[in-house]
Amino acid sequence: MRRSAFSIVLALAAMAAPAHAGALRDRLYDPAGGVLVVAHRACHRPAPSHGLEQPVPENSLAALERCVALGVDLVEIDVRRTRDGVLVVMHDAKVDRTTDGQGRVADLTLAQVQALSLDDGDEPPPTLEALLRAARGRILVNIDLKGPYAAEAAEVAHHADAADWVLFKAKAGLGAPPIADQPLYRDLAFMPMVAAKAARRARGLGQITALQASGDHQIPAVEMVALKHEGFVAVRDAARAARIRVWTNTLAEKGLKGMLDQSGDHRALRDPHKAWGRLIDQGVSIVQTDHPAVLLDYLERRGLRGRASIALADAGSPPPASTGGSSRSR
């Protein structure tokens, strides 16, 4: 009964997109359009400063609704495929940690997955299509594919009439042509990921960024993956030259490669200015976090929701003493 009522609420919400929905994608592509907040696995944590005292399930429709209510810019979700070929939203290979069931997603049918209940709630794991329909026109969705099913996910996005609200991503290698120009992404937003291992030297990481941004299909941002400060600067400066955003994650203690929790979420909860603030001041304009409400409050206090620091510094500015890298959602 409660699931049915919740489904009705979601359906009504998806039909009533807010007036500013048309500006969401434009803001993603505007490097001076303010710092954007990405909620890792959606807004599952409590947000007491916003009157939300209890957690909700990660990667759930309830967590999506919380993101919309908070005013988060992007919701990051994880996608896997069931035994009968349906894409569902689930981070782990197994359902054991997040539901009342057991087994690998790949070994379960859609019916078996949807017979489960997510922890901290009473809803089943959603399908990708259901989540995209609920998000359409209300919030951007960053898809983290846990397998080789980008073409299937793109088909779902089009079928759900949500292509304008979805951001795909994939790692880019040295010398690789612009991934965004592949036919799969020509009418979808795509963001390349630049990892520390993609090039032996920092200069190569900057070259990867520049080449990925040079295609016919514009990219909105580049995601940094576990970069040390030399790589950070090279990618940041290439992104500035290309007028695209810089995305970093501050999940757990992975904000700085090789240094102890200097820009991760744990540090940010103690001192947001020295963690999130430092990254933003150095040119980051998209931050993915497990604590989106806290980050939103910090950005509002600093007046950073309406402008981004990417346009403030020269591309040739000297490397900072230490700088934030990023680790892909795991």
C-alpha atoms as a PDB file:
ATOM      1  CA  MET A   1       0.000   0.000   0.000  1.00  0.00           C
ATOM      2  CA  ARG A   2       2.769   2.398   0.939  1.00  0.00           C
ATOM      3  CA  ARG A   3       4.696   1.518  -2.240  1.00  0.00           C
ATOM      4  CA  SER A   4       1.623   2.247  -4.342  1.00  0.00           C
ATOM      5  CA  ALA A   5       1.092   5.640  -2.726  1.00  0.00           C
ATOM      6  CA  PHE A   6       4.763   6.516  -3.160  1.00  0.00           C
ATOM      7  CA  SER A   7       4.560   5.591  -6.854  1.00  0.00           C
ATOM      8  CA  ILE A   8       1.619   7.960  -7.303  1.00  0.00           C
ATOM      9  CA  VAL A   9       3.559  10.806  -5.677  1.00  0.00           C
ATOM     10  CA  LEU A  10       6.504  10.166  -7.992  1.00  0.00           C
ATOM     11  CA  ALA A  11       4.308  10.084 -11.067  1.00  0.00           C
ATOM     12  CA  LEU A  12       2.683  13.394 -10.179  1.00  0.00           C
ATOM     13  CA  ALA A  13       6.056  14.984  -9.428  1.00  0.00           C
ATOM     14  CA  ALA A  14       7.513  13.844 -12.739  1.00  0.00           C
ATOM     15  CA  MET A  15       4.558  15.385 -14.585  1.00  0.00           C
ATOM     16  CA  ALA A  16       5.011  18.730 -12.824  1.00  0.00           C
ATOM     17  CA  ALA A  17       8.556  19.760 -13.715  1.00  0.00           C
ATOM     18  CA  PRO A  18       9.617  23.076 -12.165  1.00  0.00           C
ATOM     19  CA  ALA A  19       9.838  26.196 -14.275  1.00  0.00           C
ATOM     20  CA  HIS A  20      13.637  26.275 -14.092  1.00  0.00           C
ATOM     21  CA  ALA A  21      14.025  22.734 -15.460  1.00  0.00           C
ATOM     22  CA  GLY A  22      15.018  23.971 -18.907  1.00  0.00           C
ATOM     23  CA  ALA A  23      18.031  25.770 -17.423  1.00  0.00           C
ATOM     24  CA  LEU A  24      19.554  22.704 -15.745  1.00  0.00           C
ATOM     25  CA  ARG A  25      21.473  21.428 -18.749  1.00  0.00           C
ATOM     26  CA  ASP A  26      22.479  24.955 -19.798  1.00  0.00           C
ATOM     27  CA  ARG A  27      24.011  25.528 -16.370  1.00  0.00           C
ATOM     28  CA  LEU A  28      25.975  22.296 -16.622  1.00  0.00           C
ATOM     29  CA  TYR A  29      27.540  23.574 -19.840  1.00  0.00           C
ATOM     30  CA  ASP A  30      28.293  27.043 -18.399  1.00  0.00           C
ATOM     31  CA  PRO A  31      31.696  26.976 -16.614  1.00  0.00           C
ATOM     32  CA  ALA A  32      30.881  30.251 -14.862  1.00  0.00           C
ATOM     33  CA  GLY A  33      27.396  29.175 -13.802  1.00  0.00           C
ATOM     34  CA  GLY A  34      28.172  28.465 -10.159  1.00  0.00           C
ATOM     35  CA  VAL A  35      29.453  25.446  -8.282  1.00  0.00           C
ATOM     36  CA  LEU A  36      27.339  22.352  -8.955  1.00  0.00           C
ATOM     37  CA  VAL A  37      26.613  19.711  -6.323  1.00  0.00           C
ATOM     38  CA  VAL A  38      26.465  16.000  -7.173  1.00  0.00           C
ATOM     39  CA  ALA A  39      24.871  13.628  -4.671  1.00  0.00           C
ATOM     40  CA  HIS A  40      26.709  10.297  -4.598  1.00  0.00           C
ATOM     41  CA  ARG A  41      24.170   7.442  -4.839  1.00  0.00           C
ATOM     42  CA  ALA A  42      21.499  10.139  -4.461  1.00  0.00           C
ATOM     43  CA  CYS A  43      20.609  11.986  -1.240  1.00  0.00           C
ATOM     44  CA  HIS A  44      20.405   9.063   1.157  1.00  0.00           C
ATOM     45  CA  ARG A  45      21.885  10.664   4.270  1.00  0.00           C
ATOM     46  CA  PRO A  46      19.937  12.742   6.799  1.00  0.00           C
ATOM     47  CA  ALA A  47      19.907  16.503   6.235  1.00  0.00           C
ATOM     48  CA  PRO A  48      18.960  17.928   9.648  1.00  0.00           C
ATOM     49  CA  SER A  49      19.629  21.533   8.619  1.00  0.00           C
ATOM     50  CA  HIS A  50      16.815  21.060   6.091  1.00  0.00           C
ATOM     51  CA  GLY A  51      14.457  19.249   8.469  1.00  0.00           C
ATOM     52  CA  LEU A  52      15.265  15.770   7.136  1.00  0.00           C
ATOM     53  CA  GLU A  53      16.306  13.750  10.170  1.00  0.00           C
ATOM     54  CA  GLN A  54      16.195  10.179   8.870  1.00  0.00           C
ATOM     55  CA  PRO A  55      18.189   8.378   6.168  1.00  0.00           C
ATOM     56  CA  VAL A  56      16.552   6.946   3.063  1.00  0.00           C
ATOM     57  CA  PRO A  57      17.886   4.129   0.864  1.00  0.00           C
ATOM     58  CA  GLU A  58      20.822   4.913  -1.404  1.00  0.00           C
ATOM     59  CA  ASN A  59      20.139   4.755  -5.150  1.00  0.00           C
ATOM     60  CA  SER A  60      16.410   4.930  -4.483  1.00  0.00           C
ATOM     61  CA  LEU A  61      13.450   6.952  -5.693  1.00  0.00           C
ATOM     62  CA  ALA A  62      13.097   8.369  -2.176  1.00  0.00           C
ATOM     63  CA  ALA A  63      16.713   9.542  -2.297  1.00  0.00           C
ATOM     64  CA  LEU A  64      16.059  11.112  -5.697  1.00  0.00           C
ATOM     65  CA  GLU A  65      13.080  12.992  -4.280  1.00  0.00           C
ATOM     66  CA  ARG A  66      15.226  14.232  -1.407  1.00  0.00           C
ATOM     67  CA  CYS A  67      17.793  15.556  -3.899  1.00  0.00           C
ATOM     68  CA  VAL A  68      15.095  17.466  -5.745  1.00  0.00           C
ATOM     69  CA  ALA A  69      13.768  18.893  -2.483  1.00  0.00           C
ATOM     70  CA  LEU A  70      17.248  20.013  -1.415  1.00  0.00           C
ATOM     71  CA  GLY A  71      18.015  21.661  -4.740  1.00  0.00           C
ATOM     72  CA  VAL A  72      20.913  19.380  -5.674  1.00  0.00           C
ATOM     73  CA  ASP A  73      22.102  19.798  -9.277  1.00  0.00           C
ATOM     74  CA  LEU A  74      22.991  16.229 -10.210  1.00  0.00           C
ATOM     75  CA  VAL A  75      22.199  12.862  -8.725  1.00  0.00           C
ATOM     76  CA  GLU A  76      24.750  10.089  -9.301  1.00  0.00           C
ATOM     77  CA  ILE A  77      23.357   6.573  -9.645  1.00  0.00           C
ATOM     78  CA  ASP A  78      24.878   3.142 -10.264  1.00  0.00           C
ATOM     79  CA  VAL A  79      23.445   0.820 -12.878  1.00  0.00           C
ATOM     80  CA  ARG A  80      23.618  -2.970 -13.249  1.00  0.00           C
ATOM     81  CA  ARG A  81      21.828  -5.522 -15.428  1.00  0.00           C
ATOM     82  CA  THR A  82      19.565  -8.317 -14.224  1.00  0.00           C
ATOM     83  CA  ARG A  83      19.685 -11.877 -15.515  1.00  0.00           C
ATOM     84  CA  ASP A  84      16.816 -11.129 -17.889  1.00  0.00           C
ATOM     85  CA  GLY A  85      18.514  -8.034 -19.282  1.00  0.00           C
ATOM     86  CA  VAL A  86      16.842  -5.134 -17.450  1.00  0.00           C
ATOM     87  CA  LEU A  87      18.924  -2.239 -16.142  1.00  0.00           C
ATOM     88  CA  VAL A  88      18.347  -1.551 -12.451  1.00  0.00           C
ATOM     89  CA  VAL A  89      19.826   0.961 -10.024  1.00  0.00           C
ATOM     90  CA  MET A  90      22.197  -0.814  -7.636  1.00  0.00           C
ATOM     91  CA  HIS A  91      25.753  -0.021  -6.561  1.00  0.00           C
ATOM     92  CA  ASP A  92      27.056  -3.397  -5.420  1.00  0.00           C
ATOM     93  CA  ALA A  93      27.325  -6.546  -7.515  1.00  0.00           C
ATOM     94  CA  LYS A  94      25.238  -8.238  -4.807  1.00  0.00           C
ATOM     95  CA  VAL A  95      21.993  -7.051  -3.246  1.00  0.00           C
ATOM     96  CA  ASP A  96      23.044  -8.249   0.239  1.00  0.00           C
ATOM     97  CA  ARG A  97      24.263  -4.923   1.695  1.00  0.00           C
ATOM     98  CA  THR A  98      21.414  -2.664   0.611  1.00  0.00           C
ATOM     99  CA  THR A  99      18.338  -4.898   0.611  1.00  0.00           C
ATOM    100  CA  ASP A 100      16.644  -7.637   2.605  1.00  0.00           C
ATOM    101  CA  GLY A 101      17.723 -10.213   0.028  1.00  0.00           C
ATOM    102  CA  GLN A 102      20.814 -12.031  -1.154  1.00  0.00           C
ATOM    103  CA  GLY A 103      22.508 -12.809  -4.442  1.00  0.00           C
ATOM    104  CA  ARG A 104      24.168 -11.180  -7.410  1.00  0.00           C
ATOM    105  CA  VAL A 105      22.128  -8.765  -9.480  1.00  0.00           C
ATOM    106  CA  ALA A 106      23.343 -10.534 -12.616  1.00  0.00           C
ATOM    107  CA  ASP A 107      21.881 -13.814 -11.314  1.00  0.00           C
ATOM    108  CA  LEU A 108      18.460 -12.402 -10.386  1.00  0.00           C
ATOM    109  CA  THR A 109      15.513 -11.613 -12.632  1.00  0.00           C
ATOM    110  CA  LEU A 110      13.847  -8.228 -12.573  1.00  0.00           C
ATOM    111  CA  ALA A 111      10.880  -9.758 -10.721  1.00  0.00           C
ATOM    112  CA  GLN A 112      13.210 -11.131  -8.056  1.00  0.00           C
ATOM    113  CA  VAL A 113      15.000  -7.792  -7.653  1.00  0.00           C
ATOM    114  CA  GLN A 114      11.775  -5.846  -7.370  1.00  0.00           C
ATOM    115  CA  ALA A 115      10.428  -8.259  -4.761  1.00  0.00           C
ATOM    116  CA  LEU A 116      13.177  -6.965  -2.440  1.00  0.00           C
ATOM    117  CA  SER A 117      12.992  -4.001  -0.082  1.00  0.00           C
ATOM    118  CA  LEU A 118      15.805  -1.499   0.216  1.00  0.00           C
ATOM    119  CA  ASP A 119      17.214  -0.886   3.681  1.00  0.00           C
ATOM    120  CA  ASP A 120      16.029   2.307   5.433  1.00  0.00           C
ATOM    121  CA  GLY A 121      12.845   2.218   3.385  1.00  0.00           C
ATOM    122  CA  ASP A 122      10.083   0.067   1.951  1.00  0.00           C
ATOM    123  CA  GLU A 123      10.606   0.514  -1.770  1.00  0.00           C
ATOM    124  CA  PRO A 124      12.234  -1.985  -4.149  1.00  0.00           C
ATOM    125  CA  PRO A 125      15.396  -1.180  -6.131  1.00  0.00           C
ATOM    126  CA  PRO A 126      14.175   0.953  -9.051  1.00  0.00           C
ATOM    127  CA  THR A 127      14.756   0.236 -12.692  1.00  0.00           C
ATOM    128  CA  LEU A 128      16.846   2.778 -14.577  1.00  0.00           C
ATOM    129  CA  GLU A 129      13.812   3.724 -16.626  1.00  0.00           C
ATOM    130  CA  ALA A 130      11.671   4.383 -13.557  1.00  0.00           C
ATOM    131  CA  LEU A 131      14.305   6.605 -12.008  1.00  0.00           C
ATOM    132  CA  LEU A 132      14.887   8.563 -15.218  1.00  0.00           C
ATOM    133  CA  ARG A 133      11.168   9.128 -15.644  1.00  0.00           C
ATOM    134  CA  ALA A 134      10.951  10.428 -12.068  1.00  0.00           C
ATOM    135  CA  ALA A 135      13.983  12.707 -12.589  1.00  0.00           C
ATOM    136  CA  ARG A 136      13.057  14.011 -16.035  1.00  0.00           C
ATOM    137  CA  GLY A 137      12.986  17.790 -16.126  1.00  0.00           C
ATOM    138  CA  ARG A 138      13.662  18.095 -12.408  1.00  0.00           C
ATOM    139  CA  ILE A 139      17.299  17.146 -11.860  1.00  0.00           C
ATOM    140  CA  LEU A 140      20.268  15.943 -13.909  1.00  0.00           C
ATOM    141  CA  VAL A 141      21.308  12.297 -13.598  1.00  0.00           C
ATOM    142  CA  ASN A 142      24.913  11.101 -13.809  1.00  0.00           C
ATOM    143  CA  ILE A 143      24.995   7.406 -14.706  1.00  0.00           C
ATOM    144  CA  ASP A 144      27.820   5.239 -13.381  1.00  0.00           C
ATOM    145  CA  LEU A 145      27.588   2.040 -15.402  1.00  0.00           C
ATOM    146  CA  LYS A 146      28.871  -1.057 -13.616  1.00  0.00           C
ATOM    147  CA  GLY A 147      29.223  -3.008 -16.845  1.00  0.00           C
ATOM    148  CA  PRO A 148      29.420  -2.669 -20.642  1.00  0.00           C
ATOM    149  CA  TYR A 149      25.900  -1.502 -21.274  1.00  0.00           C
ATOM    150  CA  ALA A 150      26.217   2.118 -22.336  1.00  0.00           C
ATOM    151  CA  ALA A 151      24.187   1.524 -25.506  1.00  0.00           C
ATOM    152  CA  GLU A 152      21.382  -0.104 -23.498  1.00  0.00           C
ATOM    153  CA  ALA A 153      21.381   2.757 -20.979  1.00  0.00           C
ATOM    154  CA  ALA A 154      21.223   5.302 -23.810  1.00  0.00           C
ATOM    155  CA  GLU A 155      18.255   3.453 -25.285  1.00  0.00           C
ATOM    156  CA  VAL A 156      16.513   3.566 -21.914  1.00  0.00           C
ATOM    157  CA  ALA A 157      17.184   7.302 -21.612  1.00  0.00           C
ATOM    158  CA  HIS A 158      15.604   7.933 -24.991  1.00  0.00           C
ATOM    159  CA  HIS A 159      12.649   5.658 -24.272  1.00  0.00           C
ATOM    160  CA  ALA A 160      12.023   7.511 -21.006  1.00  0.00           C
ATOM    161  CA  ASP A 161      12.236  10.847 -22.864  1.00  0.00           C
ATOM    162  CA  ALA A 162      15.026  11.806 -20.470  1.00  0.00           C
ATOM    163  CA  ALA A 163      17.972  12.195 -22.853  1.00  0.00           C
ATOM    164  CA  ASP A 164      18.295  15.902 -22.014  1.00  0.00           C
ATOM    165  CA  TRP A 165      18.733  15.159 -18.306  1.00  0.00           C
ATOM    166  CA  VAL A 166      21.350  12.383 -18.411  1.00  0.00           C
ATOM    167  CA  LEU A 167      25.146  12.634 -18.221  1.00  0.00           C
ATOM    168  CA  PHE A 168      27.229   9.659 -19.336  1.00  0.00           C
ATOM    169  CA  LYS A 169      30.937   9.233 -18.627  1.00  0.00           C
ATOM    170  CA  ALA A 170      33.887   6.994 -19.497  1.00  0.00           C
ATOM    171  CA  LYS A 171      37.650   7.012 -19.049  1.00  0.00           C
ATOM    172  CA  ALA A 172      39.705   8.609 -21.825  1.00  0.00           C
ATOM    173  CA  GLY A 173      43.180   7.443 -22.824  1.00  0.00           C
ATOM    174  CA  LEU A 174      46.194   9.256 -24.215  1.00  0.00           C
ATOM    175  CA  GLY A 175      45.704   9.915 -27.920  1.00  0.00           C
ATOM    176  CA  ALA A 176      42.122   8.634 -27.952  1.00  0.00           C
ATOM    177  CA  PRO A 177      39.799  10.626 -30.242  1.00  0.00           C
ATOM    178  CA  PRO A 178      36.966  12.566 -28.591  1.00  0.00           C
ATOM    179  CA  ILE A 179      34.612   9.996 -27.088  1.00  0.00           C
ATOM    180  CA  ALA A 180      31.732  12.476 -27.182  1.00  0.00           C
ATOM    181  CA  ASP A 181      31.825  12.300 -31.004  1.00  0.00           C
ATOM    182  CA  GLN A 182      30.898   8.623 -31.003  1.00  0.00           C
ATOM    183  CA  PRO A 183      27.426   8.080 -32.506  1.00  0.00           C
ATOM    184  CA  LEU A 184      26.144   6.806 -29.155  1.00  0.00           C
ATOM    185  CA  TYR A 185      26.633  10.185 -27.478  1.00  0.00           C
ATOM    186  CA  ARG A 186      25.750  12.623 -30.247  1.00  0.00           C
ATOM    187  CA  ASP A 187      22.451  13.595 -28.633  1.00  0.00           C
ATOM    188  CA  LEU A 188      23.461  12.894 -25.033  1.00  0.00           C
ATOM    189  CA  ALA A 189      25.656  14.752 -22.572  1.00  0.00           C
ATOM    190  CA  PHE A 190      29.027  13.030 -22.152  1.00  0.00           C
ATOM    191  CA  MET A 191      31.927  13.709 -19.780  1.00  0.00           C
ATOM    192  CA  PRO A 192      35.403  12.153 -20.153  1.00  0.00           C
ATOM    193  CA  MET A 193      37.228  10.896 -17.092  1.00  0.00           C
ATOM    194  CA  VAL A 194      40.977  11.496 -16.859  1.00  0.00           C
ATOM    195  CA  ALA A 195      42.774   9.072 -14.544  1.00  0.00           C
ATOM    196  CA  ALA A 196      46.290   9.382 -13.165  1.00  0.00           C
ATOM    197  CA  LYS A 197      47.307   6.142 -14.911  1.00  0.00           C
ATOM    198  CA  ALA A 198      46.222   7.427 -18.331  1.00  0.00           C
ATOM    199  CA  ALA A 199      49.588   9.125 -18.907  1.00  0.00           C
ATOM    200  CA  ARG A 200      53.047   8.827 -17.379  1.00  0.00           C
ATOM    201  CA  ARG A 201      53.442  12.589 -17.002  1.00  0.00           C
ATOM    202  CA  ALA A 202      51.121  15.380 -15.978  1.00  0.00           C
ATOM    203  CA  ARG A 203      51.499  17.060 -19.362  1.00  0.00           C
ATOM    204  CA  GLY A 204      49.929  13.997 -20.971  1.00  0.00           C
ATOM    205  CA  LEU A 205      46.873  14.323 -18.727  1.00  0.00           C
ATOM    206  CA  GLY A 206      46.415  17.862 -19.937  1.00  0.00           C
ATOM    207  CA  GLN A 207      46.734  16.672 -23.530  1.00  0.00           C
ATOM    208  CA  ILE A 208      44.036  14.070 -22.972  1.00  0.00           C
ATOM    209  CA  THR A 209      41.722  16.770 -21.629  1.00  0.00           C
ATOM    210  CA  ALA A 210      42.397  19.140 -24.525  1.00  0.00           C
ATOM    211  CA  LEU A 211      41.849  16.434 -27.139  1.00  0.00           C
ATOM    212  CA  GLN A 212      38.619  15.228 -25.546  1.00  0.00           C
ATOM    213  CA  ALA A 213      37.324  18.815 -25.520  1.00  0.00           C
ATOM    214  CA  SER A 214      38.247  19.414 -29.178  1.00  0.00           C
ATOM    215  CA  GLY A 215      35.524  17.331 -30.805  1.00  0.00           C
ATOM    216  CA  ASP A 216      32.454  18.450 -32.700  1.00  0.00           C
ATOM    217  CA  HIS A 217      30.226  17.469 -29.783  1.00  0.00           C
ATOM    218  CA  GLN A 218      30.731  19.852 -26.868  1.00  0.00           C
ATOM    219  CA  ILE A 219      31.500  18.318 -23.482  1.00  0.00           C
ATOM    220  CA  PRO A 220      30.426  20.085 -20.268  1.00  0.00           C
ATOM    221  CA  ALA A 221      33.191  18.912 -17.948  1.00  0.00           C
ATOM    222  CA  VAL A 222      36.099  16.596 -17.259  1.00  0.00           C
ATOM    223  CA  GLU A 223      36.222  14.329 -14.220  1.00  0.00           C
ATOM    224  CA  MET A 224      39.535  13.902 -12.414  1.00  0.00           C
ATOM    225  CA  VAL A 225      40.342  10.419 -11.159  1.00  0.00           C
ATOM    226  CA  ALA A 226      42.958  10.058  -8.407  1.00  0.00           C
ATOM    227  CA  LEU A 227      45.228  12.855  -9.636  1.00  0.00           C
ATOM    228  CA  LYS A 228      48.170  14.243  -7.708  1.00  0.00           C
ATOM    229  CA  HIS A 229      48.654  17.999  -7.722  1.00  0.00           C
ATOM    230  CA  GLU A 230      50.734  18.144 -10.918  1.00  0.00           C
ATOM    231  CA  GLY A 231      48.083  16.206 -12.800  1.00  0.00           C
ATOM    232  CA  PHE A 232      45.328  18.292 -11.243  1.00  0.00           C
ATOM    233  CA  VAL A 233      46.931  21.507 -12.473  1.00  0.00           C
ATOM    234  CA  ALA A 234      47.512  20.140 -15.976  1.00  0.00           C
ATOM    235  CA  VAL A 235      43.920  18.970 -16.335  1.00  0.00           C
ATOM    236  CA  ARG A 236      42.502  22.097 -14.708  1.00  0.00           C
ATOM    237  CA  ASP A 237      44.449  24.418 -16.982  1.00  0.00           C
ATOM    238  CA  ALA A 238      43.468  22.454 -20.087  1.00  0.00           C
ATOM    239  CA  ALA A 239      39.838  22.576 -18.956  1.00  0.00           C
ATOM    240  CA  ARG A 240      40.023  26.324 -18.459  1.00  0.00           C
ATOM    241  CA  ALA A 241      41.478  26.792 -21.921  1.00  0.00           C
ATOM    242  CA  ALA A 242      38.634  24.707 -23.354  1.00  0.00           C
ATOM    243  CA  ARG A 243      36.011  26.525 -21.247  1.00  0.00           C
ATOM    244  CA  ILE A 244      34.678  23.380 -19.598  1.00  0.00           C
ATOM    245  CA  ARG A 245      34.063  22.530 -15.972  1.00  0.00           C
ATOM    246  CA  VAL A 246      36.271  20.500 -13.636  1.00  0.00           C
ATOM    247  CA  TRP A 247      34.611  17.706 -11.639  1.00  0.00           C
ATOM    248  CA  THR A 248      36.143  16.122  -8.547  1.00  0.00           C
ATOM    249  CA  ASN A 249      34.893  13.676  -5.932  1.00  0.00           C
ATOM    250  CA  THR A 250      35.393  14.147  -2.198  1.00  0.00           C
ATOM    251  CA  LEU A 251      34.071  10.726  -1.219  1.00  0.00           C
ATOM    252  CA  ALA A 252      35.364   9.103   1.947  1.00  0.00           C
ATOM    253  CA  GLU A 253      39.103   9.825   2.204  1.00  0.00           C
ATOM    254  CA  LYS A 254      39.820   9.812  -1.508  1.00  0.00           C
ATOM    255  CA  GLY A 255      39.939  13.538  -2.225  1.00  0.00           C
ATOM    256  CA  LEU A 256      43.725  13.695  -2.310  1.00  0.00           C
ATOM    257  CA  LYS A 257      45.889  11.036  -3.867  1.00  0.00           C
ATOM    258  CA  GLY A 258      48.762  10.081  -1.581  1.00  0.00           C
ATOM    259  CA  MET A 259      47.852  12.462   1.249  1.00  0.00           C
ATOM    260  CA  LEU A 260      45.773  11.784   4.360  1.00  0.00           C
ATOM    261  CA  ASP A 261      42.208  13.041   4.051  1.00  0.00           C
ATOM    262  CA  GLN A 262      42.990  16.629   3.085  1.00  0.00           C
ATOM    263  CA  SER A 263      40.003  17.262   0.848  1.00  0.00           C
ATOM    264  CA  GLY A 264      37.656  14.342   1.424  1.00  0.00           C
ATOM    265  CA  ASP A 265      34.210  14.367   2.965  1.00  0.00           C
ATOM    266  CA  HIS A 266      35.500  13.529   6.446  1.00  0.00           C
ATOM    267  CA  ARG A 267      37.715  16.610   6.423  1.00  0.00           C
ATOM    268  CA  ALA A 268      34.949  18.693   4.876  1.00  0.00           C
ATOM    269  CA  LEU A 269      32.575  17.911   7.722  1.00  0.00           C
ATOM    270  CA  ARG A 270      35.162  19.263  10.147  1.00  0.00           C
ATOM    271  CA  ASP A 271      36.428  22.175   8.054  1.00  0.00           C
ATOM    272  CA  PRO A 272      34.569  22.664   4.770  1.00  0.00           C
ATOM    273  CA  HIS A 273      36.668  25.666   3.767  1.00  0.00           C
ATOM    274  CA  LYS A 274      39.933  23.724   3.886  1.00  0.00           C
ATOM    275  CA  ALA A 275      38.430  20.777   2.006  1.00  0.00           C
ATOM    276  CA  TRP A 276      35.672  21.800  -0.408  1.00  0.00           C
ATOM    277  CA  GLY A 277      36.661  25.461  -0.333  1.00  0.00           C
ATOM    278  CA  ARG A 278      40.254  24.813  -1.292  1.00  0.00           C
ATOM    279  CA  LEU A 279      39.252  22.691  -4.266  1.00  0.00           C
ATOM    280  CA  ILE A 280      36.761  25.296  -5.455  1.00  0.00           C
ATOM    281  CA  ASP A 281      39.273  28.107  -5.044  1.00  0.00           C
ATOM    282  CA  GLN A 282      41.694  26.117  -7.210  1.00  0.00           C
ATOM    283  CA  GLY A 283      39.218  25.748 -10.051  1.00  0.00           C
ATOM    284  CA  VAL A 284      36.834  22.874  -9.302  1.00  0.00           C
ATOM    285  CA  SER A 285      33.236  23.745 -10.157  1.00  0.00           C
ATOM    286  CA  ILE A 286      31.489  20.365  -9.781  1.00  0.00           C
ATOM    287  CA  VAL A 287      31.829  18.460  -6.509  1.00  0.00           C
ATOM    288  CA  GLN A 288      30.467  14.971  -5.867  1.00  0.00           C
ATOM    289  CA  THR A 289      29.891  14.170  -2.209  1.00  0.00           C
ATOM    290  CA  ASP A 290      28.109  11.832   0.182  1.00  0.00           C
ATOM    291  CA  HIS A 291      26.968  14.933   2.112  1.00  0.00           C
ATOM    292  CA  PRO A 292      25.209  17.141  -0.464  1.00  0.00           C
ATOM    293  CA  ALA A 293      23.099  19.078   2.060  1.00  0.00           C
ATOM    294  CA  VAL A 294      26.183  20.123   4.023  1.00  0.00           C
ATOM    295  CA  LEU A 295      27.959  21.171   0.825  1.00  0.00           C
ATOM    296  CA  LEU A 296      24.919  23.151  -0.322  1.00  0.00           C
ATOM    297  CA  ASP A 297      24.844  25.005   3.006  1.00  0.00           C
ATOM    298  CA  TYR A 298      28.548  25.827   2.683  1.00  0.00           C
ATOM    299  CA  LEU A 299      28.186  27.096  -0.879  1.00  0.00           C
ATOM    300  CA  GLU A 300      25.248  29.278   0.084  1.00  0.00           C
ATOM    301  CA  ARG A 301      27.259  30.829   2.915  1.00  0.00           C
ATOM    302  CA  ARG A 302      30.071  31.641   0.492  1.00  0.00           C
ATOM    303  CA  GLY A 303      27.762  32.852  -2.268  1.00  0.00           C
ATOM    304  CA  LEU A 304      29.129  30.286  -4.720  1.00  0.00           C
ATOM    305  CA  ARG A 305      25.896  28.948  -6.122  1.00  0.00           C
ATOM    306  CA  GLY A 306      25.734  31.694  -8.729  1.00  0.00           C
ATOM    307  CA  ARG A 307      29.303  31.799  -9.977  1.00  0.00           C
ATOM    308  CA  ALA A 308      32.270  29.492 -10.366  1.00  0.00           C
ATOM    309  CA  SER A 309      35.944  30.095  -9.737  1.00  0.00           C
ATOM    310  CA  ILE A 310      36.995  28.582 -13.067  1.00  0.00           C
ATOM    311  CA  ALA A 311      36.763  32.006 -14.703  1.00  0.00           C
ATOM    312  CA  LEU A 312      38.676  33.848 -11.978  1.00  0.00           C
ATOM    313  CA  ALA A 313      42.258  32.580 -12.260  1.00  0.00           C
ATOM    314  CA  ASP A 314      44.667  32.586 -15.175  1.00  0.00           C
ATOM    315  CA  ALA A 315      45.269  29.271 -16.869  1.00  0.00           C
ATOM    316  CA  GLY A 316      48.969  29.728 -16.242  1.00  0.00           C
ATOM    317  CA  SER A 317      48.668  30.143 -12.493  1.00  0.00           C
ATOM    318  CA  PRO A 318      51.351  28.286 -10.482  1.00  0.00           C
ATOM    319  CA  PRO A 319      50.601  24.902  -8.938  1.00  0.00           C
ATOM    320  CA  PRO A 320      49.162  25.066  -5.407  1.00  0.00           C
ATOM    321  CA  ALA A 321      51.131  23.523  -2.560  1.00  0.00           C
ATOM    322  CA  SER A 322      48.633  20.695  -2.428  1.00  0.00           C
ATOM    323  CA  THR A 323      45.562  20.086  -4.471  1.00  0.00           C
ATOM    324  CA  GLY A 324      42.534  17.878  -4.687  1.00  0.00           C
ATOM    325  CA  GLY A 325      42.358  14.926  -6.979  1.00  0.00           C
ATOM    326  CA  SER A 326      39.436  12.597  -7.361  1.00  0.00           C
ATOM    327  CA  SER A 327      38.512   8.974  -7.122  1.00  0.00           C
ATOM    328  CA  ARG A 328      35.812   7.399  -9.187  1.00  0.00           C
ATOM    329  CA  SER A 329      32.740   6.232  -7.333  1.00  0.00           C
ATOM    330  CA  ARG A 330      33.480   2.704  -6.147  1.00  0.00           C
END
